[in-house]
Amino acid sequence: MKVRFQADADLNQHIVTGLLRREPGVDFQTAAAAGLRGLSDFAVLTLAAREGRVLVSHDRRSMLRTFAKFVSSNPSPGLFIVSQKIDLLTAIDELHLVWSASESADWTNRQFPIPL
């Protein structure tokens, strides 16, 4: 099964838009569509897991710690932390590569930085 993405509320929306322009078949839900604004990191991870979506975030500071706590007692489709220092095109390229060259099971309970 292809990777399905969930944008965190802090993720630059241009990344989502750019990836969907490049590959309209990607399933990338926005934070607004999922109602994530104002939720705790744990709640965001719970919602993403419930829907079988890899969470994509810029929040390196708190999300990594919360993810480690979350996966100690819950399965997760995964977490990608996109560096805010890379340009948008690189972020889009990396997410497109993940989507096109891997399956969702490859990322279960794993967290990875982007760029990979």
N, C-alpha and C. Protein backbone atom coordinates (compact mmCIF):
# COMPACT_ATOMS: atom_id res chain seq x y z
N MET A 1 0.83 -1.17 0.00
CA MET A 1 0.00 0.00 0.00
C MET A 1 0.89 1.25 0.00
N LYS A 2 0.52 2.23 -0.80
CA LYS A 2 1.27 3.49 -0.88
C LYS A 2 1.22 4.26 0.43
N VAL A 3 2.25 5.04 0.67
CA VAL A 3 2.32 5.90 1.84
C VAL A 3 1.24 6.98 1.72
N ARG A 4 0.53 7.19 2.81
CA ARG A 4 -0.45 8.27 2.92
C ARG A 4 0.11 9.26 3.94
N PHE A 5 0.09 10.54 3.61
CA PHE A 5 0.68 11.57 4.46
C PHE A 5 -0.37 12.39 5.20
N GLN A 6 0.03 12.87 6.37
CA GLN A 6 -0.76 13.82 7.14
C GLN A 6 0.13 15.00 7.48
N ALA A 7 -0.24 16.19 7.05
CA ALA A 7 0.52 17.39 7.38
C ALA A 7 0.21 17.82 8.81
N ASP A 8 1.22 18.16 9.56
CA ASP A 8 1.06 18.74 10.88
C ASP A 8 0.68 20.21 10.69
N ALA A 9 0.13 20.82 11.72
CA ALA A 9 -0.31 22.22 11.63
C ALA A 9 0.85 23.17 11.35
N ASP A 10 2.07 22.80 11.71
CA ASP A 10 3.21 23.70 11.48
C ASP A 10 3.89 23.48 10.12
N LEU A 11 3.47 22.48 9.36
CA LEU A 11 4.13 22.20 8.08
C LEU A 11 3.78 23.27 7.05
N ASN A 12 4.77 23.72 6.33
CA ASN A 12 4.59 24.71 5.28
C ASN A 12 3.63 24.13 4.22
N GLN A 13 2.50 24.78 4.04
CA GLN A 13 1.46 24.31 3.12
C GLN A 13 1.97 24.24 1.68
N HIS A 14 2.98 25.02 1.34
CA HIS A 14 3.54 24.99 -0.01
C HIS A 14 4.15 23.61 -0.34
N ILE A 15 4.60 22.90 0.69
CA ILE A 15 5.14 21.56 0.47
C ILE A 15 4.01 20.63 0.03
N VAL A 16 2.89 20.69 0.72
CA VAL A 16 1.73 19.87 0.37
C VAL A 16 1.25 20.21 -1.04
N THR A 17 1.07 21.49 -1.30
CA THR A 17 0.59 21.94 -2.60
C THR A 17 1.54 21.53 -3.72
N GLY A 18 2.83 21.72 -3.50
CA GLY A 18 3.83 21.38 -4.52
C GLY A 18 3.86 19.90 -4.82
N LEU A 19 3.77 19.07 -3.79
CA LEU A 19 3.79 17.62 -4.02
C LEU A 19 2.54 17.19 -4.77
N LEU A 20 1.39 17.75 -4.41
CA LEU A 20 0.15 17.37 -5.10
C LEU A 20 0.13 17.86 -6.55
N ARG A 21 0.79 18.97 -6.83
CA ARG A 21 0.91 19.41 -8.23
C ARG A 21 1.79 18.46 -9.03
N ARG A 22 2.85 18.02 -8.40
CA ARG A 22 3.77 17.11 -9.09
C ARG A 22 3.13 15.74 -9.30
N GLU A 23 2.44 15.26 -8.27
CA GLU A 23 1.85 13.92 -8.34
C GLU A 23 0.46 13.95 -7.70
N PRO A 24 -0.56 14.21 -8.50
CA PRO A 24 -1.92 14.32 -7.96
C PRO A 24 -2.43 13.05 -7.26
N GLY A 25 -1.80 11.91 -7.51
CA GLY A 25 -2.23 10.67 -6.89
C GLY A 25 -1.80 10.50 -5.45
N VAL A 26 -0.94 11.39 -4.95
CA VAL A 26 -0.48 11.30 -3.57
C VAL A 26 -1.64 11.66 -2.64
N ASP A 27 -1.81 10.86 -1.59
CA ASP A 27 -2.82 11.13 -0.57
C ASP A 27 -2.14 11.90 0.56
N PHE A 28 -2.32 13.22 0.55
CA PHE A 28 -1.65 14.10 1.52
C PHE A 28 -2.72 15.01 2.12
N GLN A 29 -3.16 14.66 3.32
CA GLN A 29 -4.20 15.42 3.99
C GLN A 29 -3.61 16.62 4.72
N THR A 30 -4.25 17.77 4.58
CA THR A 30 -3.78 18.97 5.26
C THR A 30 -4.19 18.93 6.73
N ALA A 31 -3.51 19.73 7.52
CA ALA A 31 -3.86 19.84 8.94
C ALA A 31 -5.26 20.41 9.10
N ALA A 32 -5.62 21.36 8.25
CA ALA A 32 -6.96 21.96 8.34
C ALA A 32 -8.04 20.92 8.06
N ALA A 33 -7.83 20.09 7.05
CA ALA A 33 -8.82 19.05 6.72
C ALA A 33 -8.98 18.04 7.85
N ALA A 34 -7.91 17.80 8.59
CA ALA A 34 -7.96 16.84 9.68
C ALA A 34 -8.35 17.48 11.01
N GLY A 35 -8.43 18.81 11.05
CA GLY A 35 -8.79 19.51 12.29
C GLY A 35 -7.71 19.43 13.35
N LEU A 36 -6.45 19.58 12.96
CA LEU A 36 -5.33 19.41 13.89
C LEU A 36 -4.94 20.66 14.68
N ARG A 37 -5.32 21.82 14.21
CA ARG A 37 -4.87 23.06 14.86
C ARG A 37 -5.28 23.07 16.33
N GLY A 38 -4.30 23.34 17.19
CA GLY A 38 -4.55 23.44 18.62
C GLY A 38 -4.47 22.13 19.38
N LEU A 39 -4.30 21.02 18.68
CA LEU A 39 -4.20 19.72 19.36
C LEU A 39 -2.78 19.48 19.86
N SER A 40 -2.66 18.69 20.90
CA SER A 40 -1.34 18.32 21.41
C SER A 40 -0.64 17.41 20.40
N ASP A 41 0.67 17.33 20.51
CA ASP A 41 1.44 16.44 19.62
C ASP A 41 0.94 15.00 19.73
N PHE A 42 0.64 14.56 20.94
CA PHE A 42 0.18 13.19 21.14
C PHE A 42 -1.16 12.96 20.44
N ALA A 43 -2.06 13.93 20.54
CA ALA A 43 -3.35 13.82 19.87
C ALA A 43 -3.19 13.81 18.34
N VAL A 44 -2.26 14.61 17.83
CA VAL A 44 -1.99 14.64 16.39
C VAL A 44 -1.47 13.28 15.93
N LEU A 45 -0.53 12.71 16.66
CA LEU A 45 -0.01 11.38 16.33
C LEU A 45 -1.10 10.32 16.40
N THR A 46 -1.98 10.45 17.37
CA THR A 46 -3.08 9.49 17.51
C THR A 46 -4.01 9.55 16.30
N LEU A 47 -4.37 10.76 15.88
CA LEU A 47 -5.25 10.90 14.71
C LEU A 47 -4.58 10.39 13.43
N ALA A 48 -3.31 10.71 13.26
CA ALA A 48 -2.58 10.24 12.07
C ALA A 48 -2.53 8.71 12.07
N ALA A 49 -2.24 8.12 13.21
CA ALA A 49 -2.18 6.66 13.31
C ALA A 49 -3.53 6.03 13.04
N ARG A 50 -4.57 6.62 13.57
CA ARG A 50 -5.92 6.08 13.36
C ARG A 50 -6.28 6.02 11.88
N GLU A 51 -5.78 7.00 11.12
CA GLU A 51 -6.07 7.05 9.69
C GLU A 51 -5.00 6.39 8.83
N GLY A 52 -3.97 5.83 9.46
CA GLY A 52 -2.92 5.15 8.72
C GLY A 52 -2.05 6.09 7.92
N ARG A 53 -1.78 7.28 8.46
CA ARG A 53 -1.01 8.29 7.75
C ARG A 53 0.31 8.59 8.45
N VAL A 54 1.36 8.71 7.66
CA VAL A 54 2.65 9.17 8.16
C VAL A 54 2.54 10.67 8.43
N LEU A 55 2.88 11.09 9.62
CA LEU A 55 2.83 12.50 9.96
C LEU A 55 4.06 13.21 9.41
N VAL A 56 3.85 14.37 8.78
CA VAL A 56 4.94 15.18 8.23
C VAL A 56 4.92 16.51 8.96
N SER A 57 6.04 16.86 9.58
CA SER A 57 6.10 18.03 10.46
C SER A 57 7.45 18.73 10.35
N HIS A 58 7.47 19.98 10.76
CA HIS A 58 8.74 20.71 10.93
C HIS A 58 9.18 20.66 12.39
N ASP A 59 8.32 20.22 13.28
CA ASP A 59 8.52 20.33 14.73
C ASP A 59 9.50 19.31 15.28
N ARG A 60 10.75 19.59 15.09
CA ARG A 60 11.82 18.69 15.57
C ARG A 60 11.90 18.70 17.10
N ARG A 61 11.67 19.84 17.68
CA ARG A 61 11.90 20.02 19.12
C ARG A 61 11.00 19.12 19.98
N SER A 62 9.70 19.21 19.82
CA SER A 62 8.83 18.44 20.70
C SER A 62 8.28 17.17 20.07
N MET A 63 8.13 17.14 18.76
CA MET A 63 7.49 15.99 18.12
C MET A 63 8.34 14.73 18.22
N LEU A 64 9.65 14.85 18.13
CA LEU A 64 10.51 13.66 18.23
C LEU A 64 10.37 12.99 19.60
N ARG A 65 10.34 13.80 20.63
CA ARG A 65 10.20 13.28 21.99
C ARG A 65 8.82 12.63 22.17
N THR A 66 7.78 13.30 21.68
CA THR A 66 6.43 12.77 21.79
C THR A 66 6.26 11.50 20.96
N PHE A 67 6.87 11.47 19.79
CA PHE A 67 6.80 10.28 18.94
C PHE A 67 7.41 9.07 19.65
N ALA A 68 8.55 9.26 20.28
CA ALA A 68 9.20 8.15 21.01
C ALA A 68 8.28 7.63 22.11
N LYS A 69 7.63 8.53 22.80
CA LYS A 69 6.68 8.14 23.84
C LYS A 69 5.47 7.43 23.23
N PHE A 70 4.98 7.96 22.11
CA PHE A 70 3.80 7.39 21.45
C PHE A 70 4.04 5.96 21.00
N VAL A 71 5.15 5.70 20.31
CA VAL A 71 5.41 4.37 19.76
C VAL A 71 5.79 3.35 20.83
N SER A 72 6.06 3.81 22.05
CA SER A 72 6.34 2.84 23.11
C SER A 72 5.08 2.07 23.50
N SER A 73 3.90 2.61 23.17
CA SER A 73 2.67 1.90 23.52
C SER A 73 1.62 1.88 22.41
N ASN A 74 1.94 2.47 21.25
CA ASN A 74 1.00 2.52 20.13
C ASN A 74 1.72 2.30 18.81
N PRO A 75 1.09 1.63 17.87
CA PRO A 75 1.69 1.56 16.54
C PRO A 75 1.50 2.88 15.80
N SER A 76 2.46 3.23 14.99
CA SER A 76 2.39 4.47 14.21
C SER A 76 2.83 4.21 12.78
N PRO A 77 2.17 4.83 11.81
CA PRO A 77 2.61 4.72 10.42
C PRO A 77 3.96 5.39 10.18
N GLY A 78 4.40 6.26 11.10
CA GLY A 78 5.70 6.89 10.98
C GLY A 78 5.64 8.41 11.10
N LEU A 79 6.83 9.00 11.13
CA LEU A 79 6.98 10.44 11.28
C LEU A 79 8.14 10.91 10.42
N PHE A 80 7.90 11.92 9.59
CA PHE A 80 8.96 12.58 8.84
C PHE A 80 9.09 14.00 9.37
N ILE A 81 10.30 14.36 9.74
CA ILE A 81 10.59 15.72 10.18
C ILE A 81 11.32 16.43 9.05
N VAL A 82 10.66 17.43 8.47
CA VAL A 82 11.21 18.19 7.36
C VAL A 82 11.98 19.38 7.92
N SER A 83 13.25 19.44 7.60
CA SER A 83 14.07 20.56 8.05
C SER A 83 13.55 21.86 7.46
N GLN A 84 13.50 22.88 8.28
CA GLN A 84 13.08 24.20 7.79
C GLN A 84 14.21 24.89 7.04
N LYS A 85 15.40 24.30 7.06
CA LYS A 85 16.54 24.89 6.39
C LYS A 85 16.67 24.47 4.93
N ILE A 86 15.92 23.44 4.50
CA ILE A 86 16.01 23.03 3.11
C ILE A 86 14.96 23.77 2.28
N ASP A 87 15.25 23.90 1.01
CA ASP A 87 14.30 24.61 0.15
C ASP A 87 13.09 23.73 -0.12
N LEU A 88 12.01 24.36 -0.52
CA LEU A 88 10.75 23.66 -0.74
C LEU A 88 10.87 22.56 -1.79
N LEU A 89 11.58 22.83 -2.86
CA LEU A 89 11.72 21.85 -3.93
C LEU A 89 12.39 20.57 -3.43
N THR A 90 13.40 20.70 -2.59
CA THR A 90 14.06 19.52 -2.03
C THR A 90 13.10 18.73 -1.16
N ALA A 91 12.33 19.42 -0.33
CA ALA A 91 11.35 18.74 0.52
C ALA A 91 10.33 17.99 -0.34
N ILE A 92 9.85 18.63 -1.38
CA ILE A 92 8.88 18.01 -2.29
C ILE A 92 9.51 16.80 -2.97
N ASP A 93 10.74 16.94 -3.45
CA ASP A 93 11.44 15.83 -4.11
C ASP A 93 11.58 14.63 -3.17
N GLU A 94 11.97 14.89 -1.93
CA GLU A 94 12.19 13.81 -0.96
C GLU A 94 10.88 13.09 -0.64
N LEU A 95 9.81 13.83 -0.43
CA LEU A 95 8.52 13.21 -0.14
C LEU A 95 7.99 12.43 -1.35
N HIS A 96 8.24 12.98 -2.54
CA HIS A 96 7.83 12.26 -3.76
C HIS A 96 8.60 10.96 -3.88
N LEU A 97 9.88 10.98 -3.58
CA LEU A 97 10.69 9.77 -3.63
C LEU A 97 10.15 8.73 -2.64
N VAL A 98 9.85 9.15 -1.42
CA VAL A 98 9.28 8.24 -0.42
C VAL A 98 8.00 7.61 -0.96
N TRP A 99 7.12 8.45 -1.51
CA TRP A 99 5.83 7.98 -2.00
C TRP A 99 6.00 7.01 -3.17
N SER A 100 6.90 7.32 -4.08
CA SER A 100 7.02 6.51 -5.29
C SER A 100 7.86 5.24 -5.10
N ALA A 101 8.76 5.23 -4.14
CA ALA A 101 9.71 4.11 -4.04
C ALA A 101 9.55 3.25 -2.80
N SER A 102 8.51 3.49 -2.01
CA SER A 102 8.36 2.68 -0.80
C SER A 102 6.89 2.38 -0.54
N GLU A 103 6.67 1.53 0.42
CA GLU A 103 5.33 1.17 0.85
C GLU A 103 5.13 1.67 2.28
N SER A 104 3.88 1.83 2.66
CA SER A 104 3.59 2.37 3.99
C SER A 104 4.20 1.52 5.11
N ALA A 105 4.22 0.21 4.94
CA ALA A 105 4.78 -0.67 5.98
C ALA A 105 6.27 -0.41 6.23
N ASP A 106 6.96 0.15 5.26
CA ASP A 106 8.40 0.44 5.41
C ASP A 106 8.67 1.48 6.50
N TRP A 107 7.69 2.28 6.85
CA TRP A 107 7.89 3.40 7.76
C TRP A 107 7.25 3.20 9.13
N THR A 108 6.62 2.06 9.36
CA THR A 108 5.91 1.81 10.61
C THR A 108 6.84 1.97 11.81
N ASN A 109 6.39 2.81 12.75
CA ASN A 109 7.08 3.10 14.01
C ASN A 109 8.47 3.70 13.83
N ARG A 110 8.71 4.32 12.68
CA ARG A 110 10.01 4.93 12.40
C ARG A 110 9.85 6.44 12.23
N GLN A 111 10.90 7.14 12.58
CA GLN A 111 10.95 8.57 12.31
C GLN A 111 12.21 8.84 11.51
N PHE A 112 12.06 9.74 10.54
CA PHE A 112 13.17 10.07 9.65
C PHE A 112 13.22 11.56 9.39
N PRO A 113 14.43 12.07 9.28
CA PRO A 113 14.57 13.48 8.88
C PRO A 113 14.50 13.61 7.37
N ILE A 114 14.00 14.73 6.91
CA ILE A 114 14.01 15.05 5.47
C ILE A 114 14.81 16.32 5.35
N PRO A 115 15.89 16.36 4.62
CA PRO A 115 16.26 15.37 3.63
C PRO A 115 16.77 14.09 4.26
N LEU A 116 16.50 12.97 3.57
CA LEU A 116 16.92 11.65 4.05
C LEU A 116 18.41 11.49 3.95
